């Protein structure tokens, strides 16, 4: 049985999660990284006063300013980067009663 082939006994850092109201969105792009790759768009998202970067092939985001959003992200030297396909609307169960 093939496993994860981890070297050493280092624990992986857990994914960070953020949620809150999307306050602003700025789009840059499209960027062509190399031939044959789809256009990439970079978004600057401001959620609860914090700035996050998001990179995707989609020209439009599935959320709009004012939505309550939830996503996973990681902190790097270049800032906070949202994981691919983790950005979505936060669902509040109390709204459905």
PDB file of N, CA and C in Angstrom:
ATOM      1  N   UNK A   1       0.846  -1.185   0.000  1.00  0.00           N
ATOM      2  CA  UNK A   1       0.000   0.000   0.000  1.00  0.00           C
ATOM      3  C   UNK A   1       0.884   1.238   0.000  1.00  0.00           C
ATOM      4  N   UNK A   2       0.738   2.079  -1.001  1.00  0.00           N
ATOM      5  CA  UNK A   2       1.528   3.303  -1.096  1.00  0.00           C
ATOM      6  C   UNK A   2       0.933   4.357  -0.174  1.00  0.00           C
ATOM      7  N   UNK A   3       1.799   4.991   0.571  1.00  0.00           N
ATOM      8  CA  UNK A   3       1.338   6.005   1.524  1.00  0.00           C
ATOM      9  C   UNK A   3       1.714   7.398   1.074  1.00  0.00           C
ATOM     10  N   UNK A   4       1.775   8.305   2.012  1.00  0.00           N
ATOM     11  CA  UNK A   4       2.052   9.702   1.713  1.00  0.00           C
ATOM     12  C   UNK A   4       3.526  10.018   1.533  1.00  0.00           C
ATOM     13  N   UNK A   5       4.409   9.058   1.812  1.00  0.00           N
ATOM     14  CA  UNK A   5       5.849   9.232   1.638  1.00  0.00           C
ATOM     15  C   UNK A   5       6.372  10.490   2.315  1.00  0.00           C
ATOM     16  N   UNK A   6       5.969  10.694   3.563  1.00  0.00           N
ATOM     17  CA  UNK A   6       6.475  11.860   4.291  1.00  0.00           C
ATOM     18  C   UNK A   6       7.900  11.600   4.749  1.00  0.00           C
ATOM     19  N   UNK A   7       8.756  12.583   4.561  1.00  0.00           N
ATOM     20  CA  UNK A   7      10.132  12.476   5.041  1.00  0.00           C
ATOM     21  C   UNK A   7      10.203  13.147   6.407  1.00  0.00           C
ATOM     22  N   UNK A   8      10.829  12.496   7.321  1.00  0.00           N
ATOM     23  CA  UNK A   8      10.937  13.042   8.658  1.00  0.00           C
ATOM     24  C   UNK A   8       9.616  12.895   9.392  1.00  0.00           C
ATOM     25  N   UNK A   9       9.557  13.461  10.555  1.00  0.00           N
ATOM     26  CA  UNK A   9       8.346  13.333  11.347  1.00  0.00           C
ATOM     27  C   UNK A   9       7.731  14.709  11.601  1.00  0.00           C
ATOM     28  N   UNK A  10       7.885  15.599  10.632  1.00  0.00           N
ATOM     29  CA  UNK A  10       7.385  16.960  10.790  1.00  0.00           C
ATOM     30  C   UNK A  10       5.881  17.002  10.647  1.00  0.00           C
ATOM     31  N   UNK A  11       5.221  17.703  11.533  1.00  0.00           N
ATOM     32  CA  UNK A  11       3.779  17.876  11.423  1.00  0.00           C
ATOM     33  C   UNK A  11       3.468  18.976  10.421  1.00  0.00           C
ATOM     34  N   UNK A  12       2.459  18.754   9.613  1.00  0.00           N
ATOM     35  CA  UNK A  12       2.041  19.758   8.639  1.00  0.00           C
ATOM     36  C   UNK A  12       1.263  20.850   9.364  1.00  0.00           C
ATOM     37  N   UNK A  13       1.499  22.096   8.968  1.00  0.00           N
ATOM     38  CA  UNK A  13       0.775  23.208   9.580  1.00  0.00           C
ATOM     39  C   UNK A  13      -0.696  23.117   9.174  1.00  0.00           C
ATOM     40  N   UNK A  14      -1.610  23.270  10.124  1.00  0.00           N
ATOM     41  CA  UNK A  14      -3.030  23.180   9.761  1.00  0.00           C
ATOM     42  C   UNK A  14      -3.453  24.359   8.889  1.00  0.00           C
ATOM     43  N   UNK A  15      -4.460  24.117   8.047  1.00  0.00           N
ATOM     44  CA  UNK A  15      -4.982  25.191   7.188  1.00  0.00           C
ATOM     45  C   UNK A  15      -5.666  26.225   8.065  1.00  0.00           C
ATOM     46  N   UNK A  16      -5.462  27.471   7.728  1.00  0.00           N
ATOM     47  CA  UNK A  16      -6.130  28.551   8.435  1.00  0.00           C
ATOM     48  C   UNK A  16      -7.451  28.833   7.739  1.00  0.00           C
ATOM     49  N   UNK A  17      -8.452  29.214   8.489  1.00  0.00           N
ATOM     50  CA  UNK A  17      -9.764  29.494   7.912  1.00  0.00           C
ATOM     51  C   UNK A  17     -10.197  30.889   8.323  1.00  0.00           C
ATOM     52  N   UNK A  18     -10.806  31.600   7.395  1.00  0.00           N
ATOM     53  CA  UNK A  18     -11.317  32.939   7.688  1.00  0.00           C
ATOM     54  C   UNK A  18     -12.757  33.025   7.218  1.00  0.00           C
ATOM     55  N   UNK A  19     -13.524  33.830   7.910  1.00  0.00           N
ATOM     56  CA  UNK A  19     -14.898  34.089   7.491  1.00  0.00           C
ATOM     57  C   UNK A  19     -15.252  35.502   7.919  1.00  0.00           C
ATOM     58  N   UNK A  20     -16.164  36.100   7.175  1.00  0.00           N
ATOM     59  CA  UNK A  20     -16.594  37.450   7.490  1.00  0.00           C
ATOM     60  C   UNK A  20     -17.245  38.095   6.288  1.00  0.00           C
ATOM     61  N   UNK A  21     -17.502  39.380   6.410  1.00  0.00           N
ATOM     62  CA  UNK A  21     -18.164  40.107   5.324  1.00  0.00           C
ATOM     63  C   UNK A  21     -17.130  40.585   4.323  1.00  0.00           C
ATOM     64  N   UNK A  22     -17.389  40.321   3.044  1.00  0.00           N
ATOM     65  CA  UNK A  22     -16.515  40.768   1.970  1.00  0.00           C
ATOM     66  C   UNK A  22     -16.732  42.263   1.769  1.00  0.00           C
ATOM     67  N   UNK A  23     -15.681  43.055   2.013  1.00  0.00           N
ATOM     68  CA  UNK A  23     -15.825  44.500   1.975  1.00  0.00           C
ATOM     69  C   UNK A  23     -15.434  45.108   0.635  1.00  0.00           C
ATOM     70  N   UNK A  24     -14.439  44.525  -0.039  1.00  0.00           N
ATOM     71  CA  UNK A  24     -14.074  45.039  -1.366  1.00  0.00           C
ATOM     72  C   UNK A  24     -13.331  43.975  -2.156  1.00  0.00           C
ATOM     73  N   UNK A  25     -13.386  44.124  -3.491  1.00  0.00           N
ATOM     74  CA  UNK A  25     -12.714  43.200  -4.412  1.00  0.00           C
ATOM     75  C   UNK A  25     -12.058  44.025  -5.503  1.00  0.00           C
ATOM     76  N   UNK A  26     -10.786  43.732  -5.786  1.00  0.00           N
ATOM     77  CA  UNK A  26     -10.088  44.349  -6.915  1.00  0.00           C
ATOM     78  C   UNK A  26      -9.508  43.241  -7.777  1.00  0.00           C
ATOM     79  N   UNK A  27      -9.704  43.358  -9.101  1.00  0.00           N
ATOM     80  CA  UNK A  27      -9.232  42.314 -10.017  1.00  0.00           C
ATOM     81  C   UNK A  27      -8.070  42.841 -10.844  1.00  0.00           C
ATOM     82  N   UNK A  28      -7.059  42.008 -11.021  1.00  0.00           N
ATOM     83  CA  UNK A  28      -5.939  42.292 -11.918  1.00  0.00           C
ATOM     84  C   UNK A  28      -5.889  41.184 -12.964  1.00  0.00           C
ATOM     85  N   UNK A  29      -5.489  41.539 -14.146  1.00  0.00           N
ATOM     86  CA  UNK A  29      -5.315  40.487 -15.151  1.00  0.00           C
ATOM     87  C   UNK A  29      -6.173  40.716 -16.361  1.00  0.00           C
ATOM     88  N   UNK A  30      -6.194  39.796 -17.268  1.00  0.00           N
ATOM     89  CA  UNK A  30      -5.659  38.426 -17.198  1.00  0.00           C
ATOM     90  C   UNK A  30      -4.148  38.372 -17.410  1.00  0.00           C
ATOM     91  N   UNK A  31      -3.526  37.392 -16.796  1.00  0.00           N
ATOM     92  CA  UNK A  31      -2.100  37.145 -16.937  1.00  0.00           C
ATOM     93  C   UNK A  31      -1.903  35.834 -17.688  1.00  0.00           C
ATOM     94  N   UNK A  32      -0.927  35.807 -18.586  1.00  0.00           N
ATOM     95  CA  UNK A  32      -0.530  34.580 -19.284  1.00  0.00           C
ATOM     96  C   UNK A  32       0.778  34.121 -18.658  1.00  0.00           C
ATOM     97  N   UNK A  33       0.735  33.029 -17.900  1.00  0.00           N
ATOM     98  CA  UNK A  33       1.947  32.533 -17.257  1.00  0.00           C
ATOM     99  C   UNK A  33       2.853  31.849 -18.288  1.00  0.00           C
ATOM    100  N   UNK A  34       2.298  30.959 -19.110  1.00  0.00           N
ATOM    101  CA  UNK A  34       3.055  30.341 -20.187  1.00  0.00           C
ATOM    102  C   UNK A  34       2.086  29.882 -21.259  1.00  0.00           C
ATOM    103  N   UNK A  35       2.616  29.536 -22.404  1.00  0.00           N
ATOM    104  CA  UNK A  35       1.809  29.162 -23.569  1.00  0.00           C
ATOM    105  C   UNK A  35       0.968  27.933 -23.264  1.00  0.00           C
ATOM    106  N   UNK A  36      -0.314  28.001 -23.576  1.00  0.00           N
ATOM    107  CA  UNK A  36      -1.211  26.880 -23.368  1.00  0.00           C
ATOM    108  C   UNK A  36      -1.921  26.906 -22.028  1.00  0.00           C
ATOM    109  N   UNK A  37      -1.468  27.753 -21.132  1.00  0.00           N
ATOM    110  CA  UNK A  37      -2.126  27.854 -19.826  1.00  0.00           C
ATOM    111  C   UNK A  37      -3.262  28.862 -19.919  1.00  0.00           C
ATOM    112  N   UNK A  38      -4.392  28.595 -19.268  1.00  0.00           N
ATOM    113  CA  UNK A  38      -5.495  29.561 -19.322  1.00  0.00           C
ATOM    114  C   UNK A  38      -5.125  30.872 -18.628  1.00  0.00           C
ATOM    115  N   UNK A  39      -5.842  31.920 -18.975  1.00  0.00           N
ATOM    116  CA  UNK A  39      -5.612  33.217 -18.350  1.00  0.00           C
ATOM    117  C   UNK A  39      -5.853  33.122 -16.848  1.00  0.00           C
ATOM    118  N   UNK A  40      -5.009  33.789 -16.087  1.00  0.00           N
ATOM    119  CA  UNK A  40      -5.165  33.826 -14.640  1.00  0.00           C
ATOM    120  C   UNK A  40      -5.545  35.232 -14.200  1.00  0.00           C
ATOM    121  N   UNK A  41      -6.452  35.316 -13.254  1.00  0.00           N
ATOM    122  CA  UNK A  41      -6.858  36.593 -12.673  1.00  0.00           C
ATOM    123  C   UNK A  41      -6.451  36.594 -11.207  1.00  0.00           C
ATOM    124  N   UNK A  42      -5.925  37.725 -10.744  1.00  0.00           N
ATOM    125  CA  UNK A  42      -5.572  37.867  -9.330  1.00  0.00           C
ATOM    126  C   UNK A  42      -6.528  38.856  -8.698  1.00  0.00           C
ATOM    127  N   UNK A  43      -7.061  38.467  -7.568  1.00  0.00           N
ATOM    128  CA  UNK A  43      -8.024  39.306  -6.849  1.00  0.00           C
ATOM    129  C   UNK A  43      -7.440  39.699  -5.499  1.00  0.00           C
ATOM    130  N   UNK A  44      -7.681  40.932  -5.104  1.00  0.00           N
ATOM    131  CA  UNK A  44      -7.377  41.399  -3.755  1.00  0.00           C
ATOM    132  C   UNK A  44      -8.708  41.478  -3.016  1.00  0.00           C
ATOM    133  N   UNK A  45      -8.899  40.632  -2.020  1.00  0.00           N
ATOM    134  CA  UNK A  45     -10.141  40.585  -1.254  1.00  0.00           C
ATOM    135  C   UNK A  45      -9.903  41.213   0.107  1.00  0.00           C
ATOM    136  N   UNK A  46     -10.813  42.074   0.533  1.00  0.00           N
ATOM    137  CA  UNK A  46     -10.743  42.627   1.885  1.00  0.00           C
ATOM    138  C   UNK A  46     -11.923  42.064   2.667  1.00  0.00           C
ATOM    139  N   UNK A  47     -11.597  41.264   3.701  1.00  0.00           N
ATOM    140  CA  UNK A  47     -12.605  40.626   4.540  1.00  0.00           C
ATOM    141  C   UNK A  47     -12.332  41.032   5.983  1.00  0.00           C
ATOM    142  N   UNK A  48     -13.294  41.692   6.588  1.00  0.00           N
ATOM    143  CA  UNK A  48     -13.175  42.143   7.982  1.00  0.00           C
ATOM    144  C   UNK A  48     -11.887  42.930   8.202  1.00  0.00           C
ATOM    145  N   UNK A  49     -11.517  43.773   7.234  1.00  0.00           N
ATOM    146  CA  UNK A  49     -10.336  44.621   7.372  1.00  0.00           C
ATOM    147  C   UNK A  49      -9.016  43.976   7.007  1.00  0.00           C
ATOM    148  N   UNK A  50      -8.995  42.679   6.753  1.00  0.00           N
ATOM    149  CA  UNK A  50      -7.777  41.963   6.363  1.00  0.00           C
ATOM    150  C   UNK A  50      -7.748  41.781   4.848  1.00  0.00           C
ATOM    151  N   UNK A  51      -6.558  41.908   4.255  1.00  0.00           N
ATOM    152  CA  UNK A  51      -6.411  41.758   2.804  1.00  0.00           C
ATOM    153  C   UNK A  51      -5.889  40.364   2.476  1.00  0.00           C
ATOM    154  N   UNK A  52      -6.526  39.717   1.501  1.00  0.00           N
ATOM    155  CA  UNK A  52      -6.146  38.381   1.046  1.00  0.00           C
ATOM    156  C   UNK A  52      -5.999  38.415  -0.465  1.00  0.00           C
ATOM    157  N   UNK A  53      -5.114  37.557  -1.000  1.00  0.00           N
ATOM    158  CA  UNK A  53      -4.934  37.422  -2.446  1.00  0.00           C
ATOM    159  C   UNK A  53      -5.548  36.106  -2.891  1.00  0.00           C
ATOM    160  N   UNK A  54      -6.159  36.124  -4.076  1.00  0.00           N
ATOM    161  CA  UNK A  54      -6.807  34.935  -4.627  1.00  0.00           C
ATOM    162  C   UNK A  54      -6.508  34.881  -6.108  1.00  0.00           C
ATOM    163  N   UNK A  55      -6.059  33.735  -6.608  1.00  0.00           N
ATOM    164  CA  UNK A  55      -5.711  33.573  -8.014  1.00  0.00           C
ATOM    165  C   UNK A  55      -6.546  32.454  -8.608  1.00  0.00           C
ATOM    166  N   UNK A  56      -7.197  32.734  -9.750  1.00  0.00           N
ATOM    167  CA  UNK A  56      -8.068  31.743 -10.379  1.00  0.00           C
ATOM    168  C   UNK A  56      -8.175  32.014 -11.877  1.00  0.00           C
ATOM    169  N   UNK A  57      -8.716  31.028 -12.606  1.00  0.00           N
ATOM    170  CA  UNK A  57      -8.948  31.208 -14.045  1.00  0.00           C
ATOM    171  C   UNK A  57     -10.273  31.910 -14.313  1.00  0.00           C
ATOM    172  N   UNK A  58     -11.116  32.030 -13.298  1.00  0.00           N
ATOM    173  CA  UNK A  58     -12.455  32.605 -13.484  1.00  0.00           C
ATOM    174  C   UNK A  58     -12.388  34.129 -13.548  1.00  0.00           C
ATOM    175  N   UNK A  59     -13.059  34.698 -14.564  1.00  0.00           N
ATOM    176  CA  UNK A  59     -13.100  36.150 -14.704  1.00  0.00           C
ATOM    177  C   UNK A  59     -14.050  36.780 -13.691  1.00  0.00           C
ATOM    178  N   UNK A  60     -14.987  36.001 -13.177  1.00  0.00           N
ATOM    179  CA  UNK A  60     -15.939  36.496 -12.178  1.00  0.00           C
ATOM    180  C   UNK A  60     -15.873  35.609 -10.939  1.00  0.00           C
ATOM    181  N   UNK A  61     -16.002  36.219  -9.777  1.00  0.00           N
ATOM    182  CA  UNK A  61     -16.002  35.462  -8.524  1.00  0.00           C
ATOM    183  C   UNK A  61     -17.411  34.975  -8.187  1.00  0.00           C
ATOM    184  N   UNK A  62     -17.527  33.884  -7.429  1.00  0.00           N
ATOM    185  CA  UNK A  62     -18.854  33.385  -7.039  1.00  0.00           C
ATOM    186  C   UNK A  62     -19.482  34.197  -5.901  1.00  0.00           C
ATOM    187  N   UNK A  63     -18.775  35.225  -5.416  1.00  0.00           N
ATOM    188  CA  UNK A  63     -19.286  36.060  -4.329  1.00  0.00           C
ATOM    189  C   UNK A  63     -19.223  37.525  -4.750  1.00  0.00           C
ATOM    190  N   UNK A  64     -20.028  38.348  -4.097  1.00  0.00           N
ATOM    191  CA  UNK A  64     -20.038  39.785  -4.381  1.00  0.00           C
ATOM    192  C   UNK A  64     -19.817  40.542  -3.071  1.00  0.00           C
ATOM    193  N   UNK A  65     -19.484  41.813  -3.200  1.00  0.00           N
ATOM    194  CA  UNK A  65     -19.255  42.649  -2.026  1.00  0.00           C
ATOM    195  C   UNK A  65     -20.526  42.672  -1.176  1.00  0.00           C
ATOM    196  N   UNK A  66     -20.368  42.484   0.126  1.00  0.00           N
ATOM    197  CA  UNK A  66     -21.499  42.447   1.041  1.00  0.00           C
ATOM    198  C   UNK A  66     -21.873  41.039   1.471  1.00  0.00           C
ATOM    199  N   UNK A  67     -21.417  40.018   0.726  1.00  0.00           N
ATOM    200  CA  UNK A  67     -21.693  38.622   1.099  1.00  0.00           C
ATOM    201  C   UNK A  67     -20.863  38.234   2.318  1.00  0.00           C
ATOM    202  N   UNK A  68     -21.404  37.293   3.104  1.00  0.00           N
ATOM    203  CA  UNK A  68     -20.607  36.664   4.161  1.00  0.00           C
ATOM    204  C   UNK A  68     -19.875  35.503   3.496  1.00  0.00           C
ATOM    205  N   UNK A  69     -18.541  35.513   3.579  1.00  0.00           N
ATOM    206  CA  UNK A  69     -17.732  34.514   2.882  1.00  0.00           C
ATOM    207  C   UNK A  69     -16.944  33.677   3.885  1.00  0.00           C
ATOM    208  N   UNK A  70     -16.505  32.511   3.413  1.00  0.00           N
ATOM    209  CA  UNK A  70     -15.647  31.624   4.187  1.00  0.00           C
ATOM    210  C   UNK A  70     -14.631  31.014   3.219  1.00  0.00           C
ATOM    211  N   UNK A  71     -13.389  30.828   3.699  1.00  0.00           N
ATOM    212  CA  UNK A  71     -12.341  30.256   2.847  1.00  0.00           C
ATOM    213  C   UNK A  71     -11.174  29.795   3.706  1.00  0.00           C
ATOM    214  N   UNK A  72     -10.334  28.940   3.098  1.00  0.00           N
ATOM    215  CA  UNK A  72      -9.073  28.520   3.702  1.00  0.00           C
ATOM    216  C   UNK A  72      -7.960  29.356   3.078  1.00  0.00           C
ATOM    217  N   UNK A  73      -6.917  29.627   3.876  1.00  0.00           N
ATOM    218  CA  UNK A  73      -5.804  30.400   3.342  1.00  0.00           C
ATOM    219  C   UNK A  73      -4.509  29.987   4.023  1.00  0.00           C
ATOM    220  N   UNK A  74      -3.393  30.434   3.442  1.00  0.00           N
ATOM    221  CA  UNK A  74      -2.093  30.220   4.070  1.00  0.00           C
ATOM    222  C   UNK A  74      -1.338  31.541   4.073  1.00  0.00           C
ATOM    223  N   UNK A  75      -0.514  31.692   5.102  1.00  0.00           N
ATOM    224  CA  UNK A  75       0.280  32.906   5.218  1.00  0.00           C
ATOM    225  C   UNK A  75       1.654  32.653   4.621  1.00  0.00           C
ATOM    226  N   UNK A  76       2.071  33.552   3.722  1.00  0.00           N
ATOM    227  CA  UNK A  76       3.387  33.468   3.097  1.00  0.00           C
ATOM    228  C   UNK A  76       4.087  34.811   3.278  1.00  0.00           C
ATOM    229  N   UNK A  77       5.318  34.883   2.814  1.00  0.00           N
ATOM    230  CA  UNK A  77       6.049  36.155   2.886  1.00  0.00           C
ATOM    231  C   UNK A  77       5.362  37.216   2.035  1.00  0.00           C
ATOM    232  N   UNK A  78       4.695  36.777   0.970  1.00  0.00           N
ATOM    233  CA  UNK A  78       4.023  37.704   0.052  1.00  0.00           C
ATOM    234  C   UNK A  78       2.645  38.115   0.547  1.00  0.00           C
ATOM    235  N   UNK A  79       2.190  37.568   1.663  1.00  0.00           N
ATOM    236  CA  UNK A  79       0.871  37.920   2.199  1.00  0.00           C
ATOM    237  C   UNK A  79       0.035  36.685   2.446  1.00  0.00           C
ATOM    238  N   UNK A  80      -1.258  36.891   2.546  1.00  0.00           N
ATOM    239  CA  UNK A  80      -2.197  35.798   2.806  1.00  0.00           C
ATOM    240  C   UNK A  80      -2.848  35.377   1.494  1.00  0.00           C
ATOM    241  N   UNK A  81      -2.680  34.094   1.123  1.00  0.00           N
ATOM    242  CA  UNK A  81      -3.195  33.579  -0.142  1.00  0.00           C
ATOM    243  C   UNK A  81      -4.331  32.595   0.108  1.00  0.00           C
ATOM    244  N   UNK A  82      -5.459  32.840  -0.546  1.00  0.00           N
ATOM    245  CA  UNK A  82      -6.632  31.976  -0.431  1.00  0.00           C
ATOM    246  C   UNK A  82      -6.389  30.721  -1.257  1.00  0.00           C
ATOM    247  N   UNK A  83      -6.708  29.542  -0.701  1.00  0.00           N
ATOM    248  CA  UNK A  83      -6.568  28.271  -1.428  1.00  0.00           C
ATOM    249  C   UNK A  83      -7.545  28.226  -2.595  1.00  0.00           C
ATOM    250  N   UNK A  84      -7.109  27.572  -3.662  1.00  0.00           N
ATOM    251  CA  UNK A  84      -7.973  27.414  -4.837  1.00  0.00           C
ATOM    252  C   UNK A  84      -9.257  26.692  -4.467  1.00  0.00           C
ATOM    253  N   UNK A  85     -10.336  27.123  -5.035  1.00  0.00           N
ATOM    254  CA  UNK A  85     -11.657  26.502  -4.898  1.00  0.00           C
ATOM    255  C   UNK A  85     -12.149  26.417  -3.452  1.00  0.00           C
ATOM    256  N   UNK A  86     -11.622  27.262  -2.561  1.00  0.00           N
ATOM    257  CA  UNK A  86     -12.122  27.227  -1.185  1.00  0.00           C
ATOM    258  C   UNK A  86     -12.988  28.442  -0.870  1.00  0.00           C
ATOM    259  N   UNK A  87     -13.061  29.396  -1.779  1.00  0.00           N
ATOM    260  CA  UNK A  87     -13.834  30.613  -1.542  1.00  0.00           C
ATOM    261  C   UNK A  87     -15.315  30.370  -1.817  1.00  0.00           C
ATOM    262  N   UNK A  88     -16.169  30.705  -0.854  1.00  0.00           N
ATOM    263  CA  UNK A  88     -17.604  30.517  -1.051  1.00  0.00           C
ATOM    264  C   UNK A  88     -18.405  31.339  -0.054  1.00  0.00           C
ATOM    265  N   UNK A  89     -19.718  31.327  -0.242  1.00  0.00           N
ATOM    266  CA  UNK A  89     -20.604  32.040   0.676  1.00  0.00           C
ATOM    267  C   UNK A  89     -20.751  31.237   1.961  1.00  0.00           C
ATOM    268  N   UNK A  90     -20.715  31.941   3.081  1.00  0.00           N
ATOM    269  CA  UNK A  90     -20.935  31.297   4.379  1.00  0.00           C
ATOM    270  C   UNK A  90     -22.432  31.172   4.596  1.00  0.00           C
ATOM    271  N   UNK A  91     -22.869  29.993   4.985  1.00  0.00           N
ATOM    272  CA  UNK A  91     -24.294  29.746   5.205  1.00  0.00           C
ATOM    273  C   UNK A  91     -24.561  29.795   6.704  1.00  0.00           C
ATOM    274  N   UNK A  92     -25.493  30.636   7.109  1.00  0.00           N
ATOM    275  CA  UNK A  92     -25.877  30.736   8.507  1.00  0.00           C
ATOM    276  C   UNK A  92     -27.142  29.904   8.697  1.00  0.00           C
ATOM    277  N   UNK A  93     -27.100  28.833   9.490  1.00  0.00           N
ATOM    278  CA  UNK A  93     -28.263  27.960   9.656  1.00  0.00           C
ATOM    279  C   UNK A  93     -29.487  28.683  10.231  1.00  0.00           C
ATOM    280  N   UNK A  94     -29.269  29.744  10.978  1.00  0.00           N
ATOM    281  CA  UNK A  94     -30.415  30.459  11.584  1.00  0.00           C
ATOM    282  C   UNK A  94     -31.258  31.172  10.525  1.00  0.00           C
ATOM    283  N   UNK A  95     -30.702  31.393   9.338  1.00  0.00           N
ATOM    284  CA  UNK A  95     -31.476  32.032   8.257  1.00  0.00           C
ATOM    285  C   UNK A  95     -32.541  31.113   7.674  1.00  0.00           C
ATOM    286  N   UNK A  96     -32.422  29.799   7.914  1.00  0.00           N
ATOM    287  CA  UNK A  96     -33.304  28.836   7.273  1.00  0.00           C
ATOM    288  C   UNK A  96     -34.387  28.309   8.201  1.00  0.00           C
ATOM    289  N   UNK A  97     -34.641  28.995   9.314  1.00  0.00           N
ATOM    290  CA  UNK A  97     -35.676  28.523  10.238  1.00  0.00           C
ATOM    291  C   UNK A  97     -36.865  29.448  10.256  1.00  0.00           C
TER     292      UNK A  97
END
